[in-house]
Amino acid sequence: MAAPRRKPATPKTATASPSADAILDRALTLADGAGWDALSLSALAADLGLPPADLARHFRDKDALANAWFARARDAMLAAPPRGFARQPVRDRLNILLLRWFDALAPHRAVTAQMLAGKLWPFHPHHYVPMVFDLSRLIQWLRDAAGMGAMGRRRQIEEIGLTLLFLAVLRRWCRDESRGQAETKAYLAARLARADALAARWFRG
């Protein structure tokens, strides 16, 4: 009597490693509950079912996670502009672009503020020194996307003015618990109106 034929073994399907975006999303969710400072990379790896080495291939440290989060906001700011964007006044274009940046971070506002505080910790110069360059690049992208093509002295003044405006609004946003970021939106609109009036006075003619 012939022996029964065995069914061929079904090969095991390897579990796909989570993407960098999925890792970041999970880190933000965990930080929402425990706080950014309390989040450890080893705990994040364990939660994702990953060896720490696999996590390190995506993110070398927590600051790299924070940088990826801020990169999302930059990409949201630079997404395709709405119809008629180029015909709007510069003040309105800046308002649209900056609100895109803040809106992208709004779902995790408290954690974002904690990330910034961590970057500015006095004993982390390797974090806060690069922030200066990151901020400069963000302002350059903002100017370019808003169609601000001035050169020379006017460009320098615009860069300084936009940097100060952005930092002032960011500080307000970090503490804004109003619905729909209403306080930040009103503050931004007022600051832009003031800057527009000053620019008209300085660059008249």
Protein backbone atom coordinates (compact mmCIF):
# COMPACT_ATOMS: atom_id res chain seq x y z
CA MET A 1 0.00 0.00 0.00
CA ALA A 2 1.46 3.32 -1.08
CA ALA A 3 2.22 5.85 1.64
CA PRO A 4 -0.07 8.90 1.63
CA ARG A 5 1.38 11.85 -0.17
CA ARG A 6 2.29 14.74 2.06
CA LYS A 7 1.19 18.20 1.18
CA PRO A 8 4.11 20.51 0.45
CA ALA A 9 4.91 22.75 3.38
CA THR A 10 3.60 26.26 3.00
CA PRO A 11 6.49 28.69 3.24
CA LYS A 12 6.23 31.10 6.13
CA THR A 13 5.56 34.65 5.11
CA ALA A 14 8.02 37.06 6.60
CA THR A 15 6.44 39.81 8.60
CA ALA A 16 7.11 43.10 6.87
CA SER A 17 9.13 45.55 8.92
CA PRO A 18 7.21 48.76 9.62
CA SER A 19 8.07 51.77 7.51
CA ALA A 20 9.77 54.86 8.88
CA ASP A 21 6.42 56.66 8.74
CA ALA A 22 4.73 53.89 10.72
CA ILE A 23 7.50 53.94 13.32
CA LEU A 24 7.17 57.71 13.70
CA ASP A 25 3.39 57.48 14.01
CA ARG A 26 3.69 54.91 16.77
CA ALA A 27 6.32 56.96 18.59
CA LEU A 28 4.03 59.98 18.55
CA THR A 29 1.11 57.93 19.87
CA LEU A 30 3.20 56.54 22.74
CA ALA A 31 4.58 60.00 23.52
CA ASP A 32 1.05 61.42 23.66
CA GLY A 33 0.44 59.16 26.63
CA ALA A 34 3.76 59.13 28.45
CA GLY A 35 5.44 62.31 27.25
CA TRP A 36 8.33 62.74 24.85
CA ASP A 37 11.00 62.63 27.57
CA ALA A 38 9.67 59.32 28.90
CA LEU A 39 9.67 57.64 25.50
CA SER A 40 12.66 55.32 25.08
CA LEU A 41 13.83 53.84 21.82
CA SER A 42 14.09 50.36 23.35
CA ALA A 43 10.46 50.57 24.52
CA LEU A 44 9.41 51.78 21.07
CA ALA A 45 11.24 48.89 19.42
CA ALA A 46 9.63 46.40 21.81
CA ASP A 47 6.19 47.87 21.15
CA LEU A 48 6.73 47.46 17.41
CA GLY A 49 8.15 43.96 17.80
CA LEU A 50 11.48 45.04 16.36
CA PRO A 51 15.05 44.41 17.46
CA PRO A 52 16.59 47.75 18.48
CA ALA A 53 19.08 47.37 15.62
CA ASP A 54 16.24 47.43 13.09
CA LEU A 55 14.84 50.59 14.64
CA ALA A 56 18.30 52.18 14.57
CA ARG A 57 18.48 51.62 10.83
CA HIS A 58 15.56 54.03 10.46
CA PHE A 59 16.28 56.48 13.29
CA ARG A 60 19.67 56.87 14.96
CA ASP A 61 18.15 58.57 18.04
CA LYS A 62 15.04 60.37 19.29
CA ASP A 63 16.20 63.61 17.73
CA ALA A 64 16.05 61.91 14.34
CA LEU A 65 12.41 61.03 15.07
CA ALA A 66 11.74 64.67 15.94
CA ASN A 67 13.44 65.81 12.74
CA ALA A 68 11.26 63.45 10.70
CA TRP A 69 8.18 64.92 12.39
CA PHE A 70 9.21 68.46 11.51
CA ALA A 71 10.05 67.35 7.97
CA ARG A 72 6.40 66.30 7.61
CA ALA A 73 5.34 69.82 8.52
CA ARG A 74 7.73 71.29 5.97
CA ASP A 75 6.37 68.98 3.29
CA ALA A 76 2.81 69.94 4.19
CA MET A 77 3.75 73.62 3.92
CA LEU A 78 5.28 73.06 0.49
CA ALA A 79 2.47 70.96 -0.96
CA ALA A 80 0.83 72.15 -4.17
CA PRO A 81 -0.68 75.60 -3.50
CA PRO A 82 -4.42 76.24 -3.78
CA ARG A 83 -5.88 77.75 -6.93
CA GLY A 84 -5.28 81.47 -7.20
CA PHE A 85 -2.49 81.36 -4.62
CA ALA A 86 -0.02 83.37 -6.74
CA ARG A 87 -2.54 86.20 -7.21
CA GLN A 88 -3.00 86.75 -3.48
CA PRO A 89 -1.02 89.36 -1.52
CA VAL A 90 2.23 88.15 0.04
CA ARG A 91 0.71 88.49 3.50
CA ASP A 92 -2.06 86.04 2.61
CA ARG A 93 0.37 83.64 0.97
CA LEU A 94 2.51 83.61 4.10
CA ASN A 95 -0.56 83.05 6.24
CA ILE A 96 -1.58 80.02 4.18
CA LEU A 97 1.91 78.51 4.23
CA LEU A 98 2.54 79.03 7.93
CA LEU A 99 -0.84 77.67 8.92
CA ARG A 100 -0.11 74.57 6.86
CA TRP A 101 3.03 74.05 8.95
CA PHE A 102 1.24 74.51 12.27
CA ASP A 103 -1.81 72.50 11.20
CA ALA A 104 0.40 69.56 10.24
CA LEU A 105 1.84 69.46 13.77
CA ALA A 106 -1.40 70.23 15.60
CA PRO A 107 -2.48 66.59 16.22
CA HIS A 108 0.55 66.23 18.52
CA ARG A 109 1.04 69.82 19.65
CA ALA A 110 2.03 69.05 23.24
CA VAL A 111 4.56 66.42 22.15
CA THR A 112 5.93 68.83 19.53
CA ALA A 113 6.50 71.46 22.21
CA GLN A 114 8.30 68.82 24.31
CA MET A 115 10.49 67.94 21.33
CA LEU A 116 11.50 71.58 20.95
CA ALA A 117 12.26 71.87 24.66
CA GLY A 118 14.42 68.76 24.43
CA LYS A 119 16.33 70.17 21.48
CA LEU A 120 17.01 73.37 23.42
CA TRP A 121 18.32 71.64 26.55
CA PRO A 122 21.66 73.34 27.39
CA PHE A 123 23.53 70.03 27.51
CA HIS A 124 22.40 69.07 23.99
CA PRO A 125 24.41 71.41 21.75
CA HIS A 126 24.47 68.67 19.10
CA HIS A 127 20.69 69.17 18.87
CA TYR A 128 20.13 72.90 19.27
CA VAL A 129 23.04 74.04 17.08
CA PRO A 130 21.63 72.25 13.99
CA MET A 131 18.26 73.84 14.82
CA VAL A 132 19.68 77.20 13.75
CA PHE A 133 20.43 75.84 10.30
CA ASP A 134 17.13 73.97 10.11
CA LEU A 135 15.28 77.19 10.92
CA SER A 136 17.24 79.10 8.30
CA ARG A 137 16.38 76.49 5.65
CA LEU A 138 12.71 76.57 6.65
CA ILE A 139 12.61 80.36 6.29
CA GLN A 140 14.26 80.11 2.88
CA TRP A 141 11.65 77.61 1.76
CA LEU A 142 8.93 79.84 3.15
CA ARG A 143 10.20 82.89 1.24
CA ASP A 144 10.53 80.90 -1.96
CA ALA A 145 7.08 79.30 -1.70
CA ALA A 146 5.51 82.68 -0.96
CA GLY A 147 7.14 84.19 -4.03
CA MET A 148 9.30 86.65 -2.11
CA GLY A 149 12.12 87.22 -4.57
CA ALA A 150 13.75 90.36 -3.16
CA MET A 151 17.53 90.62 -3.19
CA GLY A 152 20.18 92.55 -1.30
CA ARG A 153 19.28 94.54 1.80
CA ARG A 154 15.55 93.98 1.42
CA ARG A 155 16.07 90.22 1.36
CA GLN A 156 18.12 90.38 4.55
CA ILE A 157 15.42 92.40 6.28
CA GLU A 158 12.72 90.00 5.09
CA GLU A 159 14.65 86.98 6.36
CA ILE A 160 15.18 88.52 9.77
CA GLY A 161 11.57 89.67 9.96
CA LEU A 162 10.18 86.28 8.94
CA THR A 163 12.42 84.48 11.41
CA LEU A 164 11.29 86.68 14.29
CA LEU A 165 7.65 86.37 13.23
CA PHE A 166 7.87 82.59 12.98
CA LEU A 167 9.50 82.22 16.39
CA ALA A 168 6.93 84.51 18.01
CA VAL A 169 4.03 82.57 16.52
CA LEU A 170 5.66 79.24 17.38
CA ARG A 171 5.97 80.28 21.01
CA ARG A 172 2.29 81.22 21.11
CA TRP A 173 1.28 78.01 19.33
CA CYS A 174 3.13 75.80 21.83
CA ARG A 175 0.83 77.11 24.59
CA ASP A 176 -2.34 77.38 22.50
CA GLU A 177 -5.11 75.13 23.80
CA SER A 178 -7.91 76.97 21.99
CA ARG A 179 -10.23 75.08 19.68
CA GLY A 180 -8.90 74.82 16.16
CA GLN A 181 -5.81 76.86 17.14
CA ALA A 182 -7.96 79.98 17.06
CA GLU A 183 -5.57 82.00 19.22
CA THR A 184 -2.58 81.16 17.04
CA LYS A 185 -4.48 82.02 13.86
CA ALA A 186 -5.56 85.38 15.22
CA TYR A 187 -2.06 86.13 16.49
CA LEU A 188 -0.49 85.18 13.17
CA ALA A 189 -2.94 87.34 11.21
CA ALA A 190 -2.22 90.32 13.46
CA ARG A 191 1.55 89.89 13.21
CA LEU A 192 1.40 89.57 9.43
CA ALA A 193 -0.74 92.70 9.16
CA ARG A 194 1.75 94.61 11.28
CA ALA A 195 4.70 93.32 9.24
CA ASP A 196 2.92 94.25 6.02
CA ALA A 197 2.38 97.80 7.24
CA LEU A 198 6.01 98.11 8.31
CA ALA A 199 7.27 96.77 4.99
CA ALA A 200 5.11 99.25 3.09
CA ARG A 201 6.63 102.07 5.13
CA TRP A 202 10.25 100.90 4.86
CA PHE A 203 10.21 100.03 1.18
CA ARG A 204 7.96 102.81 -0.06
CA GLY A 205 8.87 103.80 -3.59
